[in-house]
Amino acid sequence: MNRSTVTVARGLLAPIFGPWMGMSLCLGMISVALPLYLTEVGLSYLALSAVLAAIGVGSAVGGVPTGDLIARHGPRRALLLGAAAISATVMLLAATGDFLMLFALQFVAGVGAIALRISGQTWIALSVEPNLRGRFLSTMGGTRRFGMFVGPFMAGLLIEGLGFAAVFIIAGCLAGIGIIPLVTTDSVPPASPVDRLPLREVFRRHWRLLLVATAGPILIMAARRGRNVVLPLIGDDLGMSPTAVGLMVSIGTGADLILFPVAGYLMDNFGRLTAIVPAFSLMGLGLFFLAVADTGTQVAIAGGVIGIGNGLSAGTMMTLGADLAPADSTSQFLAGFASLQDWGSILGPLLVGWVAAGVGLGASAAVLGAVIFVGVALIVRNTGETGAGRRIGPERA
């Protein structure tokens, strides 16, 4: 990495990776705490899956206005508002067991999460050369994985020691602390005067590209979000304690965390598909193994395989979107891409709930495995290789 690249990296560290780390730790904690809390308050699998899907609904709905906000006022404001929304809503989870209120809080948290993601993506897309973009965006993905590594184990310990309310309050505070480096730095993204097209015009020009390019990522996101639901539920169903469930999720994410630099290296040097295809294929195989696991050890092994695959996929979907984004409407195109992709965040938990209620938790894991393989096939077929100057164009979509 040359000196200019190091300078860019330092400029991005506080304003992007600070809030992103706070959010990642927060959501890592509630990834275990919330499903267990919802079973504790007596929600059915269908109601539970709806609450867990609500964060995806918020992301899907909030992406487009976030893109417009970024185009008008820049990524900094969206990062600040997003982190504040996550912090407040996660702390308020401690105050209610009502289905509608839980759904609403998760919805707002989803809006905050998509604001952080698109803002960071846009800032990097405007600041970093394409041949280094994969490494920066995989580092964003790696930061998210660090939160998923530390957060679940912290949550398991805190649930047994202090209870669910303490977990939600501490998690919300961590998201709030992530705001501090954002407001204490004077770093600003490069100006993007061409990123002022009306939102309607952006969609009129690029709707075909958006639909074709997000078909696979929607299914990938469904499997990713669904495995965050089914893994702790299967552990709980096998009689594991909250600490053991948190440790199991953290072990899987540990393998995930180690490999995120590999994802960036592969994408930038050998092409995006060299990371995408093997990574998500491993995740699919891990989900199939999870479907037949009947001991805590087997569930942990399945989680490790899924974690390895997810680690190799770090930043791949964000890089794909950044590669495809037209120069005249970067943030708004990324908002459209993220909003469509995040319909998978709704689909994944709902699939787990529907299949688990009708057939069983194991069957829901198998369905997610099938979904991820279909998603990989669609990416290869519809989008192909977007790295090293090769990309699908609007005229080909």
Protein backbone atom coordinates (compact mmCIF):
# COMPACT_ATOMS: atom_id res chain seq x y z
CA MET A 1 0.00 0.00 0.00
CA ASN A 2 1.62 3.27 -1.09
CA ARG A 3 1.79 6.51 0.87
CA SER A 4 -1.20 8.16 -0.84
CA THR A 5 -3.34 5.10 -0.15
CA VAL A 6 -2.31 5.14 3.51
CA THR A 7 -3.28 8.83 3.68
CA VAL A 8 -6.71 8.06 2.23
CA ALA A 9 -7.14 5.17 4.67
CA ARG A 10 -6.33 7.41 7.65
CA GLY A 11 -8.84 9.99 6.42
CA LEU A 12 -11.57 7.36 6.29
CA LEU A 13 -10.77 5.68 9.59
CA ALA A 14 -12.61 8.00 11.98
CA PRO A 15 -15.65 9.23 10.01
CA ILE A 16 -16.58 5.89 8.43
CA PHE A 17 -15.15 3.08 10.48
CA GLY A 18 -15.90 4.66 13.88
CA PRO A 19 -19.70 4.72 13.47
CA TRP A 20 -19.57 1.45 11.55
CA MET A 21 -17.74 -0.27 14.43
CA GLY A 22 -20.24 1.07 16.97
CA MET A 23 -23.15 -0.19 14.90
CA SER A 24 -21.46 -3.54 14.32
CA LEU A 25 -20.93 -4.21 18.02
CA CYS A 26 -24.49 -3.14 18.76
CA LEU A 27 -26.10 -5.33 16.11
CA GLY A 28 -23.75 -8.20 16.96
CA MET A 29 -25.09 -8.18 20.51
CA ILE A 30 -28.75 -8.08 19.56
CA SER A 31 -28.27 -10.78 16.90
CA VAL A 32 -28.26 -13.28 19.77
CA ALA A 33 -30.17 -11.33 22.42
CA LEU A 34 -33.22 -10.40 20.37
CA PRO A 35 -34.25 -13.86 19.07
CA LEU A 36 -33.83 -15.29 22.60
CA TYR A 37 -35.74 -12.36 24.10
CA LEU A 38 -38.61 -12.81 21.68
CA THR A 39 -38.94 -16.48 22.61
CA GLU A 40 -38.75 -15.45 26.28
CA VAL A 41 -41.74 -13.08 25.92
CA GLY A 42 -43.75 -15.82 24.19
CA LEU A 43 -43.80 -14.79 20.52
CA SER A 44 -44.51 -17.55 18.02
CA TYR A 45 -42.00 -18.39 15.29
CA LEU A 46 -44.10 -16.40 12.79
CA ALA A 47 -44.34 -13.32 15.02
CA LEU A 48 -40.66 -13.63 15.95
CA SER A 49 -39.63 -13.81 12.30
CA ALA A 50 -41.72 -10.73 11.50
CA VAL A 51 -39.97 -8.68 14.20
CA LEU A 52 -36.56 -9.85 13.02
CA ALA A 53 -37.51 -9.05 9.42
CA ALA A 54 -38.54 -5.51 10.38
CA ILE A 55 -34.93 -4.30 10.30
CA GLY A 56 -34.84 -5.41 6.66
CA VAL A 57 -38.10 -3.57 5.96
CA GLY A 58 -36.55 -0.41 7.38
CA SER A 59 -33.46 -0.87 5.23
CA ALA A 60 -35.47 -1.49 2.08
CA VAL A 61 -37.73 1.51 2.66
CA GLY A 62 -35.02 3.81 3.97
CA GLY A 63 -32.45 3.31 1.22
CA VAL A 64 -33.92 5.67 -1.37
CA PRO A 65 -34.46 8.67 0.95
CA THR A 66 -30.99 8.04 2.35
CA GLY A 67 -29.52 8.28 -1.14
CA ASP A 68 -31.36 11.54 -1.71
CA LEU A 69 -30.17 12.88 1.67
CA ILE A 70 -26.56 12.02 0.80
CA ALA A 71 -26.84 13.61 -2.63
CA ARG A 72 -28.16 16.82 -1.07
CA HIS A 73 -26.12 17.08 2.13
CA GLY A 74 -23.27 14.58 1.89
CA PRO A 75 -22.48 11.31 3.69
CA ARG A 76 -21.56 12.86 7.05
CA ARG A 77 -25.10 13.91 7.98
CA ALA A 78 -26.54 10.54 6.99
CA LEU A 79 -23.88 8.74 9.06
CA LEU A 80 -24.73 10.85 12.11
CA LEU A 81 -28.49 10.38 11.82
CA GLY A 82 -28.16 6.66 11.15
CA ALA A 83 -25.98 6.00 14.19
CA ALA A 84 -28.31 8.02 16.43
CA ALA A 85 -31.36 6.11 15.19
CA ILE A 86 -29.78 2.73 15.91
CA SER A 87 -28.60 3.81 19.36
CA ALA A 88 -32.02 5.09 20.47
CA THR A 89 -34.15 2.27 19.10
CA VAL A 90 -31.98 -0.57 20.42
CA MET A 91 -32.02 0.90 23.94
CA LEU A 92 -35.81 1.16 23.76
CA LEU A 93 -36.10 -2.58 23.06
CA ALA A 94 -35.53 -3.03 26.79
CA ALA A 95 -38.79 -1.24 27.58
CA THR A 96 -41.30 -3.40 25.71
CA GLY A 97 -42.46 -6.88 24.84
CA ASP A 98 -45.26 -5.66 22.58
CA PHE A 99 -45.13 -7.04 19.05
CA LEU A 100 -46.06 -3.81 17.26
CA MET A 101 -43.63 -1.70 19.27
CA LEU A 102 -40.82 -4.20 18.73
CA PHE A 103 -41.56 -4.21 15.01
CA ALA A 104 -41.52 -0.39 14.87
CA LEU A 105 -38.23 -0.14 16.75
CA GLN A 106 -36.57 -2.68 14.49
CA PHE A 107 -37.91 -0.83 11.45
CA VAL A 108 -36.28 2.44 12.55
CA ALA A 109 -33.04 0.59 13.35
CA GLY A 110 -33.10 -0.74 9.79
CA VAL A 111 -33.38 2.80 8.41
CA GLY A 112 -30.36 3.75 10.52
CA ALA A 113 -28.36 0.74 9.37
CA ILE A 114 -28.94 1.43 5.68
CA ALA A 115 -27.95 5.08 6.22
CA LEU A 116 -24.60 4.00 7.66
CA ARG A 117 -24.00 1.47 4.92
CA ILE A 118 -24.80 3.69 1.94
CA SER A 119 -22.95 6.66 3.44
CA GLY A 120 -19.79 4.63 3.99
CA GLN A 121 -20.07 3.04 0.55
CA THR A 122 -20.53 6.41 -1.13
CA TRP A 123 -17.65 8.03 0.76
CA ILE A 124 -15.33 5.18 -0.24
CA ALA A 125 -16.56 5.12 -3.85
CA LEU A 126 -15.76 8.84 -4.14
CA SER A 127 -12.39 8.61 -2.35
CA VAL A 128 -10.78 5.33 -3.44
CA GLU A 129 -9.55 4.15 -6.84
CA PRO A 130 -11.44 1.13 -8.27
CA ASN A 131 -8.38 -1.14 -8.08
CA LEU A 132 -8.29 -0.65 -4.28
CA ARG A 133 -12.03 -0.42 -3.66
CA GLY A 134 -12.43 -4.11 -2.85
CA ARG A 135 -9.95 -3.88 0.04
CA PHE A 136 -11.58 -0.84 1.61
CA LEU A 137 -15.09 -2.25 1.31
CA SER A 138 -14.00 -5.68 2.52
CA THR A 139 -12.55 -3.85 5.56
CA MET A 140 -16.01 -2.40 6.16
CA GLY A 141 -17.33 -5.93 5.94
CA GLY A 142 -14.56 -7.11 8.28
CA THR A 143 -15.47 -4.44 10.82
CA ARG A 144 -19.05 -5.71 10.74
CA ARG A 145 -17.72 -9.21 11.33
CA PHE A 146 -15.68 -8.05 14.30
CA GLY A 147 -18.90 -6.82 15.86
CA MET A 148 -20.51 -10.18 15.14
CA PHE A 149 -17.49 -11.93 16.72
CA VAL A 150 -17.41 -9.96 19.98
CA GLY A 151 -21.07 -8.97 20.29
CA PRO A 152 -22.80 -12.38 20.55
CA PHE A 153 -20.49 -13.69 23.27
CA MET A 154 -20.84 -10.42 25.21
CA ALA A 155 -24.61 -10.69 24.88
CA GLY A 156 -24.71 -14.29 26.12
CA LEU A 157 -22.68 -13.44 29.22
CA LEU A 158 -24.73 -10.32 29.96
CA ILE A 159 -28.07 -12.07 29.53
CA GLU A 160 -27.17 -14.62 32.21
CA GLY A 161 -25.56 -12.04 34.49
CA LEU A 162 -27.73 -8.93 34.09
CA GLY A 163 -30.72 -9.81 31.91
CA PHE A 164 -31.99 -8.78 28.50
CA ALA A 165 -32.64 -5.13 29.38
CA ALA A 166 -28.98 -4.54 30.22
CA VAL A 167 -27.90 -6.06 26.91
CA PHE A 168 -30.13 -3.73 24.89
CA ILE A 169 -29.06 -0.63 26.84
CA ILE A 170 -25.34 -1.44 26.55
CA ALA A 171 -25.69 -2.28 22.85
CA GLY A 172 -27.45 1.02 22.19
CA CYS A 173 -24.75 2.92 24.05
CA LEU A 174 -22.07 1.29 21.89
CA ALA A 175 -23.84 2.52 18.75
CA GLY A 176 -24.00 5.99 20.29
CA ILE A 177 -20.29 5.99 21.15
CA GLY A 178 -19.61 5.35 17.45
CA ILE A 179 -20.81 8.88 16.74
CA ILE A 180 -17.90 10.44 18.65
CA PRO A 181 -15.16 9.97 16.00
CA LEU A 182 -17.56 11.26 13.35
CA VAL A 183 -18.15 14.59 15.09
CA THR A 184 -14.54 15.07 16.21
CA THR A 185 -12.90 14.81 12.79
CA ASP A 186 -12.79 17.45 10.07
CA SER A 187 -12.42 14.89 7.27
CA VAL A 188 -14.88 15.41 4.41
CA PRO A 189 -15.55 13.32 1.29
CA PRO A 190 -14.59 14.66 -2.15
CA ALA A 191 -17.21 16.87 -3.73
CA SER A 192 -19.51 15.15 -6.22
CA PRO A 193 -21.27 17.96 -8.10
CA VAL A 194 -22.63 15.57 -10.76
CA ASP A 195 -24.43 13.49 -8.09
CA ARG A 196 -27.40 15.84 -8.19
CA LEU A 197 -29.69 14.13 -10.67
CA PRO A 198 -33.32 14.02 -9.56
CA LEU A 199 -34.10 10.66 -7.98
CA ARG A 200 -36.79 9.92 -10.55
CA GLU A 201 -34.28 10.48 -13.36
CA VAL A 202 -31.75 8.12 -11.75
CA PHE A 203 -34.31 5.32 -11.65
CA ARG A 204 -35.58 6.08 -15.16
CA ARG A 205 -32.07 5.75 -16.56
CA HIS A 206 -30.87 2.76 -14.57
CA TRP A 207 -33.92 0.72 -13.51
CA ARG A 208 -33.07 -2.20 -15.79
CA LEU A 209 -29.50 -2.42 -14.46
CA LEU A 210 -30.76 -2.23 -10.88
CA LEU A 211 -33.27 -5.04 -11.34
CA VAL A 212 -30.87 -7.36 -13.16
CA ALA A 213 -27.90 -6.71 -10.88
CA THR A 214 -29.77 -7.13 -7.59
CA ALA A 215 -31.62 -10.39 -8.38
CA GLY A 216 -28.77 -12.50 -6.98
CA PRO A 217 -27.82 -10.21 -4.07
CA ILE A 218 -31.44 -10.25 -2.83
CA LEU A 219 -31.22 -14.03 -2.35
CA ILE A 220 -27.72 -13.78 -0.87
CA MET A 221 -28.99 -11.27 1.67
CA ALA A 222 -31.96 -13.51 2.48
CA ALA A 223 -29.65 -16.40 3.33
CA ARG A 224 -27.27 -14.19 5.33
CA ARG A 225 -30.04 -12.69 7.42
CA GLY A 226 -31.84 -16.00 7.76
CA ARG A 227 -28.78 -17.79 9.14
CA ASN A 228 -28.47 -15.12 11.86
CA VAL A 229 -31.96 -16.16 12.95
CA VAL A 230 -31.84 -19.93 12.54
CA LEU A 231 -28.41 -20.53 14.11
CA PRO A 232 -29.22 -19.23 17.63
CA LEU A 233 -32.72 -20.73 17.49
CA ILE A 234 -31.37 -24.20 16.69
CA GLY A 235 -28.86 -23.85 19.53
CA ASP A 236 -31.64 -22.80 21.91
CA ASP A 237 -33.84 -25.65 20.66
CA LEU A 238 -31.06 -28.12 21.53
CA GLY A 239 -31.03 -26.81 25.11
CA MET A 240 -27.88 -24.66 24.95
CA SER A 241 -27.57 -21.80 27.46
CA PRO A 242 -27.51 -18.17 26.24
CA THR A 243 -23.75 -18.03 26.95
CA ALA A 244 -23.19 -21.21 24.94
CA VAL A 245 -25.33 -19.89 22.08
CA GLY A 246 -23.39 -16.60 22.07
CA LEU A 247 -20.07 -18.45 22.15
CA MET A 248 -21.19 -20.70 19.28
CA VAL A 249 -22.12 -17.72 17.12
CA SER A 250 -18.84 -15.99 18.02
CA ILE A 251 -16.79 -19.06 17.07
CA GLY A 252 -18.36 -19.08 13.62
CA THR A 253 -17.77 -15.37 13.26
CA GLY A 254 -14.15 -15.78 14.38
CA ALA A 255 -13.43 -17.78 11.25
CA ASP A 256 -15.42 -15.16 9.37
CA LEU A 257 -13.34 -12.31 10.84
CA ILE A 258 -9.93 -13.78 10.02
CA LEU A 259 -10.68 -14.06 6.31
CA PHE A 260 -12.02 -10.62 5.36
CA PRO A 261 -8.60 -9.34 4.13
CA VAL A 262 -8.47 -12.36 1.81
CA ALA A 263 -11.77 -11.28 0.26
CA GLY A 264 -10.41 -7.83 -0.60
CA TYR A 265 -7.16 -9.24 -1.97
CA LEU A 266 -8.99 -11.75 -4.19
CA MET A 267 -11.41 -9.16 -5.51
CA ASP A 268 -8.77 -6.58 -6.37
CA ASN A 269 -6.22 -8.98 -7.87
CA PHE A 270 -8.22 -11.80 -9.44
CA GLY A 271 -11.74 -10.47 -9.91
CA ARG A 272 -14.90 -10.17 -7.87
CA LEU A 273 -16.22 -13.64 -8.76
CA THR A 274 -13.12 -15.36 -7.33
CA ALA A 275 -14.39 -14.30 -3.91
CA ILE A 276 -18.14 -14.45 -4.53
CA VAL A 277 -18.51 -17.99 -5.92
CA PRO A 278 -16.42 -20.02 -3.40
CA ALA A 279 -17.52 -17.88 -0.44
CA PHE A 280 -21.23 -18.28 -0.87
CA SER A 281 -20.91 -21.90 -1.98
CA LEU A 282 -19.26 -22.65 1.39
CA MET A 283 -22.05 -20.82 3.19
CA GLY A 284 -24.61 -22.93 1.35
CA LEU A 285 -22.84 -26.17 2.31
CA GLY A 286 -22.66 -25.01 5.94
CA LEU A 287 -26.40 -24.33 5.97
CA PHE A 288 -27.12 -27.80 4.60
CA PHE A 289 -24.99 -29.30 7.39
CA LEU A 290 -26.77 -27.12 9.96
CA ALA A 291 -30.07 -28.57 8.73
CA VAL A 292 -29.10 -32.07 9.91
CA ALA A 293 -27.10 -31.09 13.03
CA ASP A 294 -28.47 -32.61 16.23
CA THR A 295 -25.80 -31.72 18.81
CA GLY A 296 -24.28 -28.48 19.99
CA THR A 297 -20.90 -29.53 18.58
CA GLN A 298 -22.36 -30.14 15.13
CA VAL A 299 -24.15 -26.79 15.22
CA ALA A 300 -20.84 -25.10 16.13
CA ILE A 301 -19.06 -26.86 13.24
CA ALA A 302 -21.80 -25.78 10.83
CA GLY A 303 -21.50 -22.23 12.16
CA GLY A 304 -17.74 -22.34 11.54
CA VAL A 305 -18.18 -23.44 7.92
CA ILE A 306 -20.80 -20.74 7.37
CA GLY A 307 -18.42 -18.23 9.02
CA ILE A 308 -15.53 -19.16 6.73
CA GLY A 309 -17.75 -18.65 3.70
CA ASN A 310 -19.11 -15.38 5.00
CA GLY A 311 -15.57 -14.16 5.76
CA LEU A 312 -14.48 -14.79 2.19
CA SER A 313 -17.53 -12.81 1.05
CA ALA A 314 -16.71 -9.68 3.09
CA GLY A 315 -17.57 -6.55 1.15
CA THR A 316 -18.43 -8.43 -2.04
CA MET A 317 -21.97 -7.11 -2.41
CA MET A 318 -20.92 -3.55 -1.53
CA THR A 319 -18.07 -3.77 -4.06
CA LEU A 320 -20.43 -5.11 -6.70
CA GLY A 321 -22.76 -2.14 -6.19
CA ALA A 322 -19.89 0.37 -6.20
CA ASP A 323 -18.49 -1.12 -9.43
CA LEU A 324 -21.84 -0.75 -11.15
CA ALA A 325 -22.71 2.73 -9.86
CA PRO A 326 -22.81 5.34 -12.67
CA ALA A 327 -20.52 8.32 -12.14
CA ASP A 328 -23.39 10.82 -12.45
CA SER A 329 -25.45 9.41 -9.58
CA THR A 330 -23.25 7.36 -7.26
CA SER A 331 -25.06 7.70 -3.93
CA GLN A 332 -28.55 7.45 -5.40
CA PHE A 333 -27.72 4.38 -7.48
CA LEU A 334 -26.15 2.75 -4.41
CA ALA A 335 -29.28 3.61 -2.45
CA GLY A 336 -31.44 1.91 -5.07
CA PHE A 337 -29.12 -1.10 -5.15
CA ALA A 338 -29.12 -1.41 -1.35
CA SER A 339 -32.88 -0.93 -1.07
CA LEU A 340 -33.62 -3.70 -3.56
CA GLN A 341 -30.97 -5.98 -2.06
CA ASP A 342 -32.39 -5.50 1.41
CA TRP A 343 -35.69 -7.06 0.44
CA GLY A 344 -33.65 -10.18 1.10
CA SER A 345 -33.29 -9.05 4.72
CA ILE A 346 -37.06 -9.26 4.95
CA LEU A 347 -37.33 -12.54 3.09
CA GLY A 348 -34.68 -14.43 5.10
CA PRO A 349 -36.20 -14.23 8.60
CA LEU A 350 -39.70 -14.75 7.20
CA LEU A 351 -38.55 -17.89 5.38
CA VAL A 352 -37.10 -19.22 8.63
CA GLY A 353 -40.35 -18.49 10.48
CA TRP A 354 -42.66 -19.96 7.84
CA VAL A 355 -40.65 -23.13 7.26
CA ALA A 356 -39.89 -23.64 10.97
CA ALA A 357 -43.57 -23.29 11.88
CA GLY A 358 -44.62 -25.75 9.19
CA VAL A 359 -41.77 -28.28 8.99
CA GLY A 360 -39.05 -27.48 11.54
CA LEU A 361 -35.95 -25.38 12.14
CA GLY A 362 -33.68 -27.84 10.33
CA ALA A 363 -35.73 -27.59 7.17
CA SER A 364 -35.52 -23.79 7.28
CA ALA A 365 -31.69 -24.02 7.27
CA ALA A 366 -31.84 -26.32 4.21
CA VAL A 367 -34.10 -23.86 2.39
CA LEU A 368 -31.62 -21.04 3.08
CA GLY A 369 -28.82 -23.21 1.66
CA ALA A 370 -30.78 -23.71 -1.57
CA VAL A 371 -31.56 -19.99 -1.75
CA ILE A 372 -27.89 -19.00 -1.54
CA PHE A 373 -26.88 -21.32 -4.40
CA VAL A 374 -29.58 -19.83 -6.61
CA GLY A 375 -28.32 -16.35 -5.69
CA VAL A 376 -24.75 -17.22 -6.72
CA ALA A 377 -25.97 -18.59 -10.04
CA LEU A 378 -27.91 -15.38 -10.73
CA ILE A 379 -24.88 -13.17 -9.99
CA VAL A 380 -22.68 -15.20 -12.36
CA ARG A 381 -25.33 -15.19 -15.07
CA ASN A 382 -26.72 -11.66 -14.76
CA THR A 383 -23.73 -9.58 -13.68
CA GLY A 384 -20.56 -11.56 -14.31
CA GLU A 385 -17.17 -10.09 -13.52
CA THR A 386 -17.19 -6.36 -12.64
CA GLY A 387 -13.56 -6.00 -11.51
CA ALA A 388 -10.44 -5.02 -13.46
CA GLY A 389 -12.33 -2.72 -15.80
CA ARG A 390 -14.95 -5.33 -16.73
CA ARG A 391 -18.48 -4.43 -15.84
CA ILE A 392 -22.04 -4.89 -16.91
CA GLY A 393 -23.32 -1.69 -18.51
CA PRO A 394 -26.82 -0.20 -18.49
CA GLU A 395 -27.05 -0.93 -22.18
CA ARG A 396 -26.43 -4.66 -21.51
CA ALA A 397 -28.71 -4.96 -18.49
